[in-house]
PDB file of N, CA and C in Angstrom:
ATOM      1  N   VAL A   1       0.858  -1.172   0.000  1.00  0.00           N
ATOM      2  CA  VAL A   1       0.000   0.000   0.000  1.00  0.00           C
ATOM      3  C   VAL A   1       0.896   1.225   0.000  1.00  0.00           C
ATOM      4  N   THR A   2       0.867   1.963  -1.081  1.00  0.00           N
ATOM      5  CA  THR A   2       1.601   3.224  -1.144  1.00  0.00           C
ATOM      6  C   THR A   2       0.648   4.403  -1.306  1.00  0.00           C
ATOM      7  N   ASP A   3      -0.623   4.127  -1.566  1.00  0.00           N
ATOM      8  CA  ASP A   3      -1.630   5.183  -1.649  1.00  0.00           C
ATOM      9  C   ASP A   3      -1.814   5.758  -0.245  1.00  0.00           C
ATOM     10  N   LYS A   4      -1.482   7.035  -0.078  1.00  0.00           N
ATOM     11  CA  LYS A   4      -1.482   7.645   1.257  1.00  0.00           C
ATOM     12  C   LYS A   4      -2.851   7.570   1.936  1.00  0.00           C
ATOM     13  N   ALA A   5      -3.914   7.753   1.176  1.00  0.00           N
ATOM     14  CA  ALA A   5      -5.254   7.715   1.772  1.00  0.00           C
ATOM     15  C   ALA A   5      -5.568   6.320   2.324  1.00  0.00           C
ATOM     16  N   VAL A   6      -5.231   5.284   1.582  1.00  0.00           N
ATOM     17  CA  VAL A   6      -5.481   3.911   2.043  1.00  0.00           C
ATOM     18  C   VAL A   6      -4.570   3.582   3.213  1.00  0.00           C
ATOM     19  N   ARG A   7      -3.297   3.972   3.103  1.00  0.00           N
ATOM     20  CA  ARG A   7      -2.336   3.734   4.182  1.00  0.00           C
ATOM     21  C   ARG A   7      -2.811   4.401   5.474  1.00  0.00           C
ATOM     22  N   ASP A   8      -3.267   5.657   5.366  1.00  0.00           N
ATOM     23  CA  ASP A   8      -3.718   6.384   6.546  1.00  0.00           C
ATOM     24  C   ASP A   8      -4.979   5.771   7.142  1.00  0.00           C
ATOM     25  N   LYS A   9      -5.863   5.255   6.285  1.00  0.00           N
ATOM     26  CA  LYS A   9      -7.076   4.618   6.782  1.00  0.00           C
ATOM     27  C   LYS A   9      -6.730   3.341   7.550  1.00  0.00           C
ATOM     28  N   LEU A  10      -5.805   2.559   7.015  1.00  0.00           N
ATOM     29  CA  LEU A  10      -5.331   1.365   7.734  1.00  0.00           C
ATOM     30  C   LEU A  10      -4.710   1.758   9.074  1.00  0.00           C
ATOM     31  N   SER A  11      -3.942   2.828   9.070  1.00  0.00           N
ATOM     32  CA  SER A  11      -3.294   3.294  10.294  1.00  0.00           C
ATOM     33  C   SER A  11      -4.329   3.713  11.337  1.00  0.00           C
ATOM     34  N   ARG A  12      -5.319   4.491  10.914  1.00  0.00           N
ATOM     35  CA  ARG A  12      -6.351   4.945  11.852  1.00  0.00           C
ATOM     36  C   ARG A  12      -7.105   3.763  12.450  1.00  0.00           C
ATOM     37  N   LEU A  13      -7.399   2.773  11.624  1.00  0.00           N
ATOM     38  CA  LEU A  13      -8.090   1.589  12.112  1.00  0.00           C
ATOM     39  C   LEU A  13      -7.239   0.874  13.152  1.00  0.00           C
ATOM     40  N   ASN A  14      -5.958   0.736  12.879  1.00  0.00           N
ATOM     41  CA  ASN A  14      -5.051   0.090  13.825  1.00  0.00           C
ATOM     42  C   ASN A  14      -4.848   0.926  15.068  1.00  0.00           C
ATOM     43  N   ALA A  15      -4.826   2.243  14.937  1.00  0.00           N
ATOM     44  CA  ALA A  15      -4.626   3.121  16.090  1.00  0.00           C
ATOM     45  C   ALA A  15      -5.753   2.952  17.100  1.00  0.00           C
ATOM     46  N   GLY A  16      -6.956   2.707  16.616  1.00  0.00           N
ATOM     47  CA  GLY A  16      -8.092   2.514  17.504  1.00  0.00           C
ATOM     48  C   GLY A  16      -7.974   1.260  18.347  1.00  0.00           C
ATOM     49  N   LYS A  17      -7.139   0.323  17.910  1.00  0.00           N
ATOM     50  CA  LYS A  17      -6.967  -0.929  18.638  1.00  0.00           C
ATOM     51  C   LYS A  17      -5.605  -1.016  19.290  1.00  0.00           C
ATOM     52  N   ASP A  18      -4.812   0.026  19.197  1.00  0.00           N
ATOM     53  CA  ASP A  18      -3.445   0.003  19.708  1.00  0.00           C
ATOM     54  C   ASP A  18      -3.450   0.120  21.227  1.00  0.00           C
ATOM     55  N   PRO A  19      -2.986  -0.912  21.939  1.00  0.00           N
ATOM     56  CA  PRO A  19      -3.009  -0.863  23.406  1.00  0.00           C
ATOM     57  C   PRO A  19      -2.090   0.209  23.980  1.00  0.00           C
ATOM     58  N   PHE A  20      -1.154   0.715  23.168  1.00  0.00           N
ATOM     59  CA  PHE A  20      -0.230   1.743  23.640  1.00  0.00           C
ATOM     60  C   PHE A  20      -0.713   3.145  23.280  1.00  0.00           C
ATOM     61  N   GLY A  21      -1.836   3.239  22.561  1.00  0.00           N
ATOM     62  CA  GLY A  21      -2.421   4.525  22.239  1.00  0.00           C
ATOM     63  C   GLY A  21      -1.623   5.364  21.249  1.00  0.00           C
ATOM     64  N   ARG A  22      -0.811   4.725  20.430  1.00  0.00           N
ATOM     65  CA  ARG A  22      -0.037   5.485  19.436  1.00  0.00           C
ATOM     66  C   ARG A  22      -0.977   6.091  18.413  1.00  0.00           C
ATOM     67  N   ALA A  23      -0.706   7.341  18.037  1.00  0.00           N
ATOM     68  CA  ALA A  23      -1.508   8.008  17.021  1.00  0.00           C
ATOM     69  C   ALA A  23      -1.321   7.335  15.663  1.00  0.00           C
ATOM     70  N   ASP A  24      -0.107   6.887  15.376  1.00  0.00           N
ATOM     71  CA  ASP A  24       0.177   6.201  14.116  1.00  0.00           C
ATOM     72  C   ASP A  24       0.955   4.925  14.417  1.00  0.00           C
ATOM     73  N   PRO A  25       0.256   3.800  14.517  1.00  0.00           N
ATOM     74  CA  PRO A  25       0.954   2.549  14.820  1.00  0.00           C
ATOM     75  C   PRO A  25       1.880   2.096  13.700  1.00  0.00           C
ATOM     76  N   PHE A  26       1.849   2.787  12.546  1.00  0.00           N
ATOM     77  CA  PHE A  26       2.768   2.475  11.450  1.00  0.00           C
ATOM     78  C   PHE A  26       4.011   3.358  11.510  1.00  0.00           C
ATOM     79  N   TYR A  27       4.169   4.106  12.593  1.00  0.00           N
ATOM     80  CA  TYR A  27       5.374   4.895  12.868  1.00  0.00           C
ATOM     81  C   TYR A  27       5.762   5.835  11.719  1.00  0.00           C
ATOM     82  N   GLY A  28       4.801   6.318  10.965  1.00  0.00           N
ATOM     83  CA  GLY A  28       5.096   7.237   9.874  1.00  0.00           C
ATOM     84  C   GLY A  28       5.652   6.584   8.620  1.00  0.00           C
ATOM     85  N   ALA A  29       5.769   5.271   8.605  1.00  0.00           N
ATOM     86  CA  ALA A  29       6.308   4.571   7.425  1.00  0.00           C
ATOM     87  C   ALA A  29       5.389   4.828   6.232  1.00  0.00           C
ATOM     88  N   PRO A  30       5.966   5.148   5.079  1.00  0.00           N
ATOM     89  CA  PRO A  30       5.142   5.485   3.914  1.00  0.00           C
ATOM     90  C   PRO A  30       4.568   4.284   3.174  1.00  0.00           C
ATOM     91  N   THR A  31       5.092   3.096   3.426  1.00  0.00           N
ATOM     92  CA  THR A  31       4.670   1.911   2.689  1.00  0.00           C
ATOM     93  C   THR A  31       4.270   0.805   3.659  1.00  0.00           C
ATOM     94  N   VAL A  32       3.153   0.150   3.344  1.00  0.00           N
ATOM     95  CA  VAL A  32       2.676  -0.976   4.143  1.00  0.00           C
ATOM     96  C   VAL A  32       2.444  -2.146   3.191  1.00  0.00           C
ATOM     97  N   LEU A  33       3.133  -3.246   3.463  1.00  0.00           N
ATOM     98  CA  LEU A  33       2.895  -4.474   2.713  1.00  0.00           C
ATOM     99  C   LEU A  33       1.960  -5.329   3.550  1.00  0.00           C
ATOM    100  N   VAL A  34       0.789  -5.625   3.020  1.00  0.00           N
ATOM    101  CA  VAL A  34      -0.188  -6.436   3.739  1.00  0.00           C
ATOM    102  C   VAL A  34      -0.045  -7.872   3.247  1.00  0.00           C
ATOM    103  N   VAL A  35       0.238  -8.770   4.168  1.00  0.00           N
ATOM    104  CA  VAL A  35       0.376 -10.180   3.817  1.00  0.00           C
ATOM    105  C   VAL A  35      -0.931 -10.887   4.144  1.00  0.00           C
ATOM    106  N   LEU A  36      -1.500 -11.505   3.120  1.00  0.00           N
ATOM    107  CA  LEU A  36      -2.732 -12.268   3.246  1.00  0.00           C
ATOM    108  C   LEU A  36      -2.444 -13.716   2.880  1.00  0.00           C
ATOM    109  N   ALA A  37      -3.224 -14.632   3.416  1.00  0.00           N
ATOM    110  CA  ALA A  37      -3.054 -16.043   3.076  1.00  0.00           C
ATOM    111  C   ALA A  37      -4.425 -16.686   2.934  1.00  0.00           C
ATOM    112  N   GLU A  38      -4.520 -17.653   2.036  1.00  0.00           N
ATOM    113  CA  GLU A  38      -5.777 -18.367   1.819  1.00  0.00           C
ATOM    114  C   GLU A  38      -6.064 -19.292   3.000  1.00  0.00           C
ATOM    115  N   LYS A  39      -7.224 -19.097   3.607  1.00  0.00           N
ATOM    116  CA  LYS A  39      -7.585 -19.873   4.793  1.00  0.00           C
ATOM    117  C   LYS A  39      -7.721 -21.365   4.514  1.00  0.00           C
ATOM    118  N   GLY A  40      -7.997 -21.739   3.298  1.00  0.00           N
ATOM    119  CA  GLY A  40      -8.214 -23.143   2.970  1.00  0.00           C
ATOM    120  C   GLY A  40      -6.953 -23.989   2.982  1.00  0.00           C
ATOM    121  N   ARG A  41      -5.815 -23.374   3.037  1.00  0.00           N
ATOM    122  CA  ARG A  41      -4.554 -24.126   3.052  1.00  0.00           C
ATOM    123  C   ARG A  41      -4.195 -24.457   4.505  1.00  0.00           C
ATOM    124  N   ARG A  42      -3.800 -25.686   4.728  1.00  0.00           N
ATOM    125  CA  ARG A  42      -3.527 -26.151   6.093  1.00  0.00           C
ATOM    126  C   ARG A  42      -2.442 -25.336   6.794  1.00  0.00           C
ATOM    127  N   THR A  43      -1.450 -24.887   6.063  1.00  0.00           N
ATOM    128  CA  THR A  43      -0.304 -24.188   6.666  1.00  0.00           C
ATOM    129  C   THR A  43      -0.323 -22.681   6.377  1.00  0.00           C
ATOM    130  N   TYR A  44      -1.500 -22.114   6.141  1.00  0.00           N
ATOM    131  CA  TYR A  44      -1.555 -20.717   5.700  1.00  0.00           C
ATOM    132  C   TYR A  44      -0.942 -19.738   6.696  1.00  0.00           C
ATOM    133  N   VAL A  45      -1.134 -19.934   7.981  1.00  0.00           N
ATOM    134  CA  VAL A  45      -0.557 -19.007   8.969  1.00  0.00           C
ATOM    135  C   VAL A  45       0.968 -19.125   8.972  1.00  0.00           C
ATOM    136  N   HIS A  46       1.470 -20.350   8.934  1.00  0.00           N
ATOM    137  CA  HIS A  46       2.916 -20.568   8.918  1.00  0.00           C
ATOM    138  C   HIS A  46       3.534 -19.982   7.643  1.00  0.00           C
ATOM    139  N   ASP A  47       2.881 -20.227   6.518  1.00  0.00           N
ATOM    140  CA  ASP A  47       3.384 -19.711   5.241  1.00  0.00           C
ATOM    141  C   ASP A  47       3.411 -18.179   5.243  1.00  0.00           C
ATOM    142  N   GLY A  48       2.341 -17.587   5.754  1.00  0.00           N
ATOM    143  CA  GLY A  48       2.280 -16.123   5.809  1.00  0.00           C
ATOM    144  C   GLY A  48       3.335 -15.543   6.739  1.00  0.00           C
ATOM    145  N   ALA A  49       3.582 -16.221   7.862  1.00  0.00           N
ATOM    146  CA  ALA A  49       4.612 -15.757   8.794  1.00  0.00           C
ATOM    147  C   ALA A  49       5.987 -15.825   8.137  1.00  0.00           C
ATOM    148  N   LEU A  50       6.218 -16.860   7.357  1.00  0.00           N
ATOM    149  CA  LEU A  50       7.491 -16.981   6.649  1.00  0.00           C
ATOM    150  C   LEU A  50       7.645 -15.856   5.624  1.00  0.00           C
ATOM    151  N   VAL A  51       6.567 -15.515   4.945  1.00  0.00           N
ATOM    152  CA  VAL A  51       6.605 -14.394   3.993  1.00  0.00           C
ATOM    153  C   VAL A  51       6.968 -13.109   4.737  1.00  0.00           C
ATOM    154  N   MET A  52       6.337 -12.877   5.885  1.00  0.00           N
ATOM    155  CA  MET A  52       6.638 -11.665   6.664  1.00  0.00           C
ATOM    156  C   MET A  52       8.113 -11.624   7.041  1.00  0.00           C
ATOM    157  N   GLY A  53       8.643 -12.737   7.540  1.00  0.00           N
ATOM    158  CA  GLY A  53      10.050 -12.783   7.929  1.00  0.00           C
ATOM    159  C   GLY A  53      10.970 -12.512   6.753  1.00  0.00           C
ATOM    160  N   ASN A  54      10.670 -13.105   5.612  1.00  0.00           N
ATOM    161  CA  ASN A  54      11.497 -12.895   4.428  1.00  0.00           C
ATOM    162  C   ASN A  54      11.418 -11.457   3.924  1.00  0.00           C
ATOM    163  N   LEU A  55      10.243 -10.849   4.015  1.00  0.00           N
ATOM    164  CA  LEU A  55      10.112  -9.438   3.632  1.00  0.00           C
ATOM    165  C   LEU A  55      11.026  -8.565   4.490  1.00  0.00           C
ATOM    166  N   MET A  56      11.036  -8.845   5.780  1.00  0.00           N
ATOM    167  CA  MET A  56      11.831  -8.042   6.699  1.00  0.00           C
ATOM    168  C   MET A  56      13.327  -8.258   6.478  1.00  0.00           C
ATOM    169  N   LEU A  57      13.730  -9.489   6.189  1.00  0.00           N
ATOM    170  CA  LEU A  57      15.140  -9.764   5.889  1.00  0.00           C
ATOM    171  C   LEU A  57      15.558  -9.066   4.597  1.00  0.00           C
ATOM    172  N   ALA A  58      14.708  -9.117   3.583  1.00  0.00           N
ATOM    173  CA  ALA A  58      15.022  -8.472   2.314  1.00  0.00           C
ATOM    174  C   ALA A  58      15.117  -6.954   2.486  1.00  0.00           C
ATOM    175  N   ALA A  59      14.206  -6.388   3.272  1.00  0.00           N
ATOM    176  CA  ALA A  59      14.256  -4.944   3.522  1.00  0.00           C
ATOM    177  C   ALA A  59      15.573  -4.572   4.195  1.00  0.00           C
ATOM    178  N   HIS A  60      15.959  -5.330   5.201  1.00  0.00           N
ATOM    179  CA  HIS A  60      17.213  -5.059   5.907  1.00  0.00           C
ATOM    180  C   HIS A  60      18.405  -5.121   4.950  1.00  0.00           C
ATOM    181  N   ALA A  61      18.407  -6.112   4.062  1.00  0.00           N
ATOM    182  CA  ALA A  61      19.506  -6.255   3.097  1.00  0.00           C
ATOM    183  C   ALA A  61      19.606  -5.045   2.183  1.00  0.00           C
ATOM    184  N   LEU A  62      18.494  -4.353   1.969  1.00  0.00           N
ATOM    185  CA  LEU A  62      18.468  -3.160   1.112  1.00  0.00           C
ATOM    186  C   LEU A  62      18.631  -1.865   1.905  1.00  0.00           C
ATOM    187  N   GLY A  63      18.825  -1.983   3.217  1.00  0.00           N
ATOM    188  CA  GLY A  63      18.976  -0.789   4.044  1.00  0.00           C
ATOM    189  C   GLY A  63      17.666  -0.093   4.359  1.00  0.00           C
ATOM    190  N   VAL A  64      16.569  -0.824   4.270  1.00  0.00           N
ATOM    191  CA  VAL A  64      15.241  -0.268   4.541  1.00  0.00           C
ATOM    192  C   VAL A  64      14.767  -0.792   5.890  1.00  0.00           C
ATOM    193  N   GLY A  65      14.221   0.098   6.702  1.00  0.00           N
ATOM    194  CA  GLY A  65      13.678  -0.310   7.995  1.00  0.00           C
ATOM    195  C   GLY A  65      12.331  -0.994   7.807  1.00  0.00           C
ATOM    196  N   SER A  66      12.025  -1.948   8.686  1.00  0.00           N
ATOM    197  CA  SER A  66      10.741  -2.641   8.608  1.00  0.00           C
ATOM    198  C   SER A  66      10.272  -3.003  10.015  1.00  0.00           C
ATOM    199  N   CYS A  67       8.982  -3.279  10.114  1.00  0.00           N
ATOM    200  CA  CYS A  67       8.413  -3.720  11.388  1.00  0.00           C
ATOM    201  C   CYS A  67       7.130  -4.484  11.092  1.00  0.00           C
ATOM    202  N   TRP A  68       6.921  -5.575  11.811  1.00  0.00           N
ATOM    203  CA  TRP A  68       5.699  -6.369  11.685  1.00  0.00           C
ATOM    204  C   TRP A  68       4.656  -5.731  12.592  1.00  0.00           C
ATOM    205  N   ILE A  69       3.559  -5.285  11.999  1.00  0.00           N
ATOM    206  CA  ILE A  69       2.455  -4.687  12.749  1.00  0.00           C
ATOM    207  C   ILE A  69       1.274  -5.658  12.678  1.00  0.00           C
ATOM    208  N   HIS A  70       0.775  -6.053  13.828  1.00  0.00           N
ATOM    209  CA  HIS A  70      -0.320  -7.030  13.892  1.00  0.00           C
ATOM    210  C   HIS A  70      -1.670  -6.379  13.587  1.00  0.00           C
ATOM    211  N   ARG A  71      -2.701  -7.097  13.773  1.00  0.00           N
ATOM    212  CA  ARG A  71      -4.098  -6.724  13.587  1.00  0.00           C
ATOM    213  C   ARG A  71      -4.574  -6.776  12.133  1.00  0.00           C
ATOM    214  N   ALA A  72      -3.782  -7.364  11.238  1.00  0.00           N
ATOM    215  CA  ALA A  72      -4.254  -7.530   9.860  1.00  0.00           C
ATOM    216  C   ALA A  72      -5.415  -8.520   9.812  1.00  0.00           C
ATOM    217  N   ALA A  73      -5.387  -9.539  10.663  1.00  0.00           N
ATOM    218  CA  ALA A  73      -6.478 -10.530  10.669  1.00  0.00           C
ATOM    219  C   ALA A  73      -7.803  -9.847  10.991  1.00  0.00           C
ATOM    220  N   GLU A  74      -7.814  -9.029  12.040  1.00  0.00           N
ATOM    221  CA  GLU A  74      -9.044  -8.336  12.429  1.00  0.00           C
ATOM    222  C   GLU A  74      -9.486  -7.351  11.350  1.00  0.00           C
ATOM    223  N   THR A  75      -8.531  -6.647  10.779  1.00  0.00           N
ATOM    224  CA  THR A  75      -8.848  -5.640   9.763  1.00  0.00           C
ATOM    225  C   THR A  75      -9.544  -6.259   8.568  1.00  0.00           C
ATOM    226  N   PHE A  76      -8.968  -7.333   8.038  1.00  0.00           N
ATOM    227  CA  PHE A  76      -9.495  -7.880   6.797  1.00  0.00           C
ATOM    228  C   PHE A  76     -10.638  -8.867   7.001  1.00  0.00           C
ATOM    229  N   GLU A  77     -11.172  -8.933   8.232  1.00  0.00           N
ATOM    230  CA  GLU A  77     -12.439  -9.616   8.482  1.00  0.00           C
ATOM    231  C   GLU A  77     -13.594  -8.624   8.383  1.00  0.00           C
ATOM    232  N   MET A  78     -13.286  -7.331   8.394  1.00  0.00           N
ATOM    233  CA  MET A  78     -14.328  -6.302   8.334  1.00  0.00           C
ATOM    234  C   MET A  78     -14.881  -6.216   6.914  1.00  0.00           C
ATOM    235  N   PRO A  79     -16.213  -6.062   6.780  1.00  0.00           N
ATOM    236  CA  PRO A  79     -16.837  -6.039   5.448  1.00  0.00           C
ATOM    237  C   PRO A  79     -16.211  -5.016   4.495  1.00  0.00           C
ATOM    238  N   HIS A  80     -15.923  -3.817   4.973  1.00  0.00           N
ATOM    239  CA  HIS A  80     -15.349  -2.781   4.107  1.00  0.00           C
ATOM    240  C   HIS A  80     -14.030  -3.232   3.500  1.00  0.00           C
ATOM    241  N   TRP A  81     -13.189  -3.849   4.308  1.00  0.00           N
ATOM    242  CA  TRP A  81     -11.880  -4.260   3.824  1.00  0.00           C
ATOM    243  C   TRP A  81     -11.971  -5.513   2.964  1.00  0.00           C
ATOM    244  N   LYS A  82     -12.955  -6.370   3.224  1.00  0.00           N
ATOM    245  CA  LYS A  82     -13.189  -7.507   2.324  1.00  0.00           C
ATOM    246  C   LYS A  82     -13.587  -6.989   0.946  1.00  0.00           C
ATOM    247  N   GLU A  83     -14.448  -5.971   0.923  1.00  0.00           N
ATOM    248  CA  GLU A  83     -14.853  -5.352  -0.354  1.00  0.00           C
ATOM    249  C   GLU A  83     -13.651  -4.710  -1.038  1.00  0.00           C
ATOM    250  N   PHE A  84     -12.780  -4.107  -0.260  1.00  0.00           N
ATOM    251  CA  PHE A  84     -11.564  -3.496  -0.813  1.00  0.00           C
ATOM    252  C   PHE A  84     -10.721  -4.567  -1.512  1.00  0.00           C
ATOM    253  N   LEU A  85     -10.569  -5.732  -0.879  1.00  0.00           N
ATOM    254  CA  LEU A  85      -9.806  -6.820  -1.492  1.00  0.00           C
ATOM    255  C   LEU A  85     -10.456  -7.265  -2.800  1.00  0.00           C
ATOM    256  N   VAL A  86     -11.776  -7.370  -2.807  1.00  0.00           N
ATOM    257  CA  VAL A  86     -12.488  -7.756  -4.030  1.00  0.00           C
ATOM    258  C   VAL A  86     -12.237  -6.722  -5.126  1.00  0.00           C
ATOM    259  N   SER A  87     -12.210  -5.441  -4.750  1.00  0.00           N
ATOM    260  CA  SER A  87     -11.953  -4.389  -5.748  1.00  0.00           C
ATOM    261  C   SER A  87     -10.566  -4.514  -6.362  1.00  0.00           C
ATOM    262  N   LEU A  88      -9.661  -5.194  -5.649  1.00  0.00           N
ATOM    263  CA  LEU A  88      -8.312  -5.430  -6.159  1.00  0.00           C
ATOM    264  C   LEU A  88      -8.216  -6.750  -6.925  1.00  0.00           C
ATOM    265  N   GLY A  89      -9.334  -7.478  -6.983  1.00  0.00           N
ATOM    266  CA  GLY A  89      -9.342  -8.759  -7.682  1.00  0.00           C
ATOM    267  C   GLY A  89      -9.043  -9.950  -6.796  1.00  0.00           C
ATOM    268  N   LEU A  90      -8.996  -9.757  -5.484  1.00  0.00           N
ATOM    269  CA  LEU A  90      -8.746 -10.850  -4.539  1.00  0.00           C
ATOM    270  C   LEU A  90     -10.082 -11.340  -4.003  1.00  0.00           C
ATOM    271  N   THR A  91     -10.572 -12.445  -4.560  1.00  0.00           N
ATOM    272  CA  THR A  91     -11.921 -12.902  -4.237  1.00  0.00           C
ATOM    273  C   THR A  91     -11.948 -14.170  -3.390  1.00  0.00           C
ATOM    274  N   GLY A  92     -10.804 -14.688  -2.994  1.00  0.00           N
ATOM    275  CA  GLY A  92     -10.768 -15.902  -2.184  1.00  0.00           C
ATOM    276  C   GLY A  92     -11.095 -15.621  -0.728  1.00  0.00           C
ATOM    277  N   ASP A  93     -10.961 -16.651   0.087  1.00  0.00           N
ATOM    278  CA  ASP A  93     -11.188 -16.533   1.525  1.00  0.00           C
ATOM    279  C   ASP A  93      -9.830 -16.307   2.193  1.00  0.00           C
ATOM    280  N   TYR A  94      -9.457 -15.046   2.371  1.00  0.00           N
ATOM    281  CA  TYR A  94      -8.141 -14.692   2.868  1.00  0.00           C
ATOM    282  C   TYR A  94      -8.185 -14.224   4.313  1.00  0.00           C
ATOM    283  N   GLU A  95      -7.097 -14.460   5.010  1.00  0.00           N
ATOM    284  CA  GLU A  95      -6.908 -13.912   6.354  1.00  0.00           C
ATOM    285  C   GLU A  95      -5.675 -13.024   6.324  1.00  0.00           C
ATOM    286  N   GLY A  96      -5.770 -11.883   6.990  1.00  0.00           N
ATOM    287  CA  GLY A  96      -4.603 -11.018   7.111  1.00  0.00           C
ATOM    288  C   GLY A  96      -3.618 -11.620   8.093  1.00  0.00           C
ATOM    289  N   ILE A  97      -2.384 -11.792   7.669  1.00  0.00           N
ATOM    290  CA  ILE A  97      -1.349 -12.349   8.546  1.00  0.00           C
ATOM    291  C   ILE A  97      -0.613 -11.233   9.271  1.00  0.00           C
ATOM    292  N   GLY A  98      -0.294 -10.169   8.557  1.00  0.00           N
ATOM    293  CA  GLY A  98       0.411  -9.057   9.185  1.00  0.00           C
ATOM    294  C   GLY A  98       0.597  -7.905   8.225  1.00  0.00           C
ATOM    295  N   ASN A  99       0.927  -6.764   8.779  1.00  0.00           N
ATOM    296  CA  ASN A  99       1.283  -5.578   8.002  1.00  0.00           C
ATOM    297  C   ASN A  99       2.774  -5.365   8.178  1.00  0.00           C
ATOM    298  N   CYS A 100       3.503  -5.323   7.087  1.00  0.00           N
ATOM    299  CA  CYS A 100       4.938  -5.071   7.145  1.00  0.00           C
ATOM    300  C   CYS A 100       5.174  -3.635   6.701  1.00  0.00           C
ATOM    301  N   ILE A 101       5.510  -2.766   7.663  1.00  0.00           N
ATOM    302  CA  ILE A 101       5.757  -1.375   7.288  1.00  0.00           C
ATOM    303  C   ILE A 101       7.207  -1.236   6.825  1.00  0.00           C
ATOM    304  N   LEU A 102       7.404  -0.365   5.833  1.00  0.00           N
ATOM    305  CA  LEU A 102       8.727  -0.138   5.263  1.00  0.00           C
ATOM    306  C   LEU A 102       9.016   1.354   5.196  1.00  0.00           C
ATOM    307  N   GLY A 103      10.244   1.719   5.484  1.00  0.00           N
ATOM    308  CA  GLY A 103      10.669   3.113   5.370  1.00  0.00           C
ATOM    309  C   GLY A 103      12.108   3.243   5.818  1.00  0.00           C
ATOM    310  N   TYR A 104      12.655   4.418   5.621  1.00  0.00           N
ATOM    311  CA  TYR A 104      14.018   4.691   6.076  1.00  0.00           C
ATOM    312  C   TYR A 104      13.946   5.267   7.471  1.00  0.00           C
ATOM    313  N   ARG A 105      14.788   4.749   8.361  1.00  0.00           N
ATOM    314  CA  ARG A 105      14.784   5.194   9.756  1.00  0.00           C
ATOM    315  C   ARG A 105      15.210   6.652   9.864  1.00  0.00           C
ATOM    316  N   ALA A 106      14.512   7.376  10.712  1.00  0.00           N
ATOM    317  CA  ALA A 106      14.932   8.727  11.049  1.00  0.00           C
ATOM    318  C   ALA A 106      16.082   8.598  12.031  1.00  0.00           C
ATOM    319  N   GLU A 107      17.190   9.222  11.746  1.00  0.00           N
ATOM    320  CA  GLU A 107      18.359   9.095  12.625  1.00  0.00           C
ATOM    321  C   GLU A 107      18.197   9.877  13.922  1.00  0.00           C
ATOM    322  N   ASP A 108      17.431  10.946  13.893  1.00  0.00           N
ATOM    323  CA  ASP A 108      17.236  11.744  15.100  1.00  0.00           C
ATOM    324  C   ASP A 108      16.119  11.142  15.937  1.00  0.00           C
ATOM    325  N   GLY A 109      16.377  10.984  17.211  1.00  0.00           N
ATOM    326  CA  GLY A 109      15.350  10.525  18.137  1.00  0.00           C
ATOM    327  C   GLY A 109      15.111   9.029  18.126  1.00  0.00           C
ATOM    328  N   VAL A 110      15.935   8.261  17.453  1.00  0.00           N
ATOM    329  CA  VAL A 110      15.762   6.811  17.441  1.00  0.00           C
ATOM    330  C   VAL A 110      16.252   6.251  18.765  1.00  0.00           C
ATOM    331  N   LYS A 111      15.395   5.509  19.433  1.00  0.00           N
ATOM    332  CA  LYS A 111      15.770   4.917  20.709  1.00  0.00           C
ATOM    333  C   LYS A 111      16.702   3.734  20.481  1.00  0.00           C
ATOM    334  N   GLU A 112      17.548   3.507  21.440  1.00  0.00           N
ATOM    335  CA  GLU A 112      18.403   2.320  21.407  1.00  0.00           C
ATOM    336  C   GLU A 112      17.533   1.098  21.694  1.00  0.00           C
ATOM    337  N   ALA A 113      17.950  -0.034  21.191  1.00  0.00           N
ATOM    338  CA  ALA A 113      17.217  -1.267  21.446  1.00  0.00           C
ATOM    339  C   ALA A 113      17.222  -1.575  22.939  1.00  0.00           C
ATOM    340  N   ALA A 114      16.134  -2.149  23.406  1.00  0.00           N
ATOM    341  CA  ALA A 114      16.045  -2.541  24.815  1.00  0.00           C
ATOM    342  C   ALA A 114      17.062  -3.645  25.092  1.00  0.00           C
ATOM    343  N   PRO A 115      17.579  -3.705  26.323  1.00  0.00           N
ATOM    344  CA  PRO A 115      18.525  -4.777  26.642  1.00  0.00           C
ATOM    345  C   PRO A 115      17.869  -6.144  26.470  1.00  0.00           C
ATOM    346  N   ARG A 116      18.647  -7.106  26.061  1.00  0.00           N
ATOM    347  CA  ARG A 116      18.145  -8.465  25.856  1.00  0.00           C
ATOM    348  C   ARG A 116      17.875  -9.131  27.202  1.00  0.00           C
ATOM    349  N   LYS A 117      16.902 -10.022  27.219  1.00  0.00           N
ATOM    350  CA  LYS A 117      16.565 -10.751  28.441  1.00  0.00           C
ATOM    351  C   LYS A 117      17.643 -11.793  28.709  1.00  0.00           C
ATOM    352  N   GLU A 118      18.105 -11.834  29.946  1.00  0.00           N
ATOM    353  CA  GLU A 118      19.094 -12.842  30.315  1.00  0.00           C
ATOM    354  C   GLU A 118      18.415 -14.196  30.460  1.00  0.00           C
ATOM    355  N   ASN A 119      19.155 -15.263  30.111  1.00  0.00           N
ATOM    356  CA  ASN A 119      18.669 -16.634  30.230  1.00  0.00           C
ATOM    357  C   ASN A 119      17.352 -16.869  29.509  1.00  0.00           C
ATOM    358  N   TYR A 120      17.131 -16.137  28.420  1.00  0.00           N
ATOM    359  CA  TYR A 120      15.895 -16.262  27.649  1.00  0.00           C
ATOM    360  C   TYR A 120      15.972 -17.455  26.691  1.00  0.00           C
ATOM    361  N   ILE A 121      17.154 -17.761  26.246  1.00  0.00           N
ATOM    362  CA  ILE A 121      17.349 -18.891  25.347  1.00  0.00           C
ATOM    363  C   ILE A 121      17.826 -20.066  26.177  1.00  0.00           C
ATOM    364  N   VAL A 122      17.149 -21.181  26.020  1.00  0.00           N
ATOM    365  CA  VAL A 122      17.513 -22.399  26.734  1.00  0.00           C
ATOM    366  C   VAL A 122      18.183 -23.344  25.748  1.00  0.00           C
ATOM    367  N   LYS A 123      19.418 -23.703  26.018  1.00  0.00           N
ATOM    368  CA  LYS A 123      20.144 -24.629  25.142  1.00  0.00           C
ATOM    369  C   LYS A 123      20.012 -26.026  25.716  1.00  0.00           C
ATOM    370  N   VAL A 124      19.679 -26.979  24.880  1.00  0.00           N
ATOM    371  CA  VAL A 124      19.498 -28.364  25.312  1.00  0.00           C
ATOM    372  C   VAL A 124      20.593 -29.214  24.675  1.00  0.00           C
TER     373      VAL A 124
END
């Protein structure tokens, strides 16, 4: 999604469900890749998650910032957004897996990553 009006509408919808109350849960990113998967496939959630991970790895390789934003499943269950998908020619039974936002990081005001949890990985 690069159409600003559609991107902003998706953002507003997500902002209403954002537990942290962010005005723009897409962090100002200009591009949103919406990953959908056909519900009829047994591994659709796993396949969609793999697509999201690969999108983020590819973005990083190109020097583009990315973030997985949830709530795509809830969004694309709404009648308006189902109609939007049909208008794009997507007529199957799809579930939203995630929104992958893309953009270049602003260097000013970027917080450092939180410290990693100790003993979070268990080696067997």
